[in-house]
């Protein structure tokens, strides 16, 4: 049908090049421990006891329940922005927001006897628990 001439792949090659520009490379399934540890170490001081992360969510553990009731979300904006950068770099470049949940060391030790397994098996996780 084409005689001695082979069909040109030029159009197909151009299409492949265009598609490569829009394909997002596969990201990690987690943020590397060293990176996450450096991030949390930066913020775990002052009124913050611990920070735990899961995908686009952060649980910020303060020391007391009273601190949670008096906390000002604006002062956590830098923490959220820095974690969002990690999410973009390692998990999902399309994540638009980091959600925060506040808890306390006091609650963790009193209600869950300082046991992380007990804590994560029993904490209620509803959309109302997270702030944007």
Foldseek 3Di string as FASTA:
>chain_A
DQPPDDDDCVVVVVVVVVVVVVDDDAFAPDQDPVVVVVLFVVPCDDQFPGWDDDQLEIETAGADPVCVVVDDVVVCVVSFVVVLVSCCRGPNVPDDGHKYAYHYPVCCCPVVVVDPVSCVVDDDDDPVRIDD
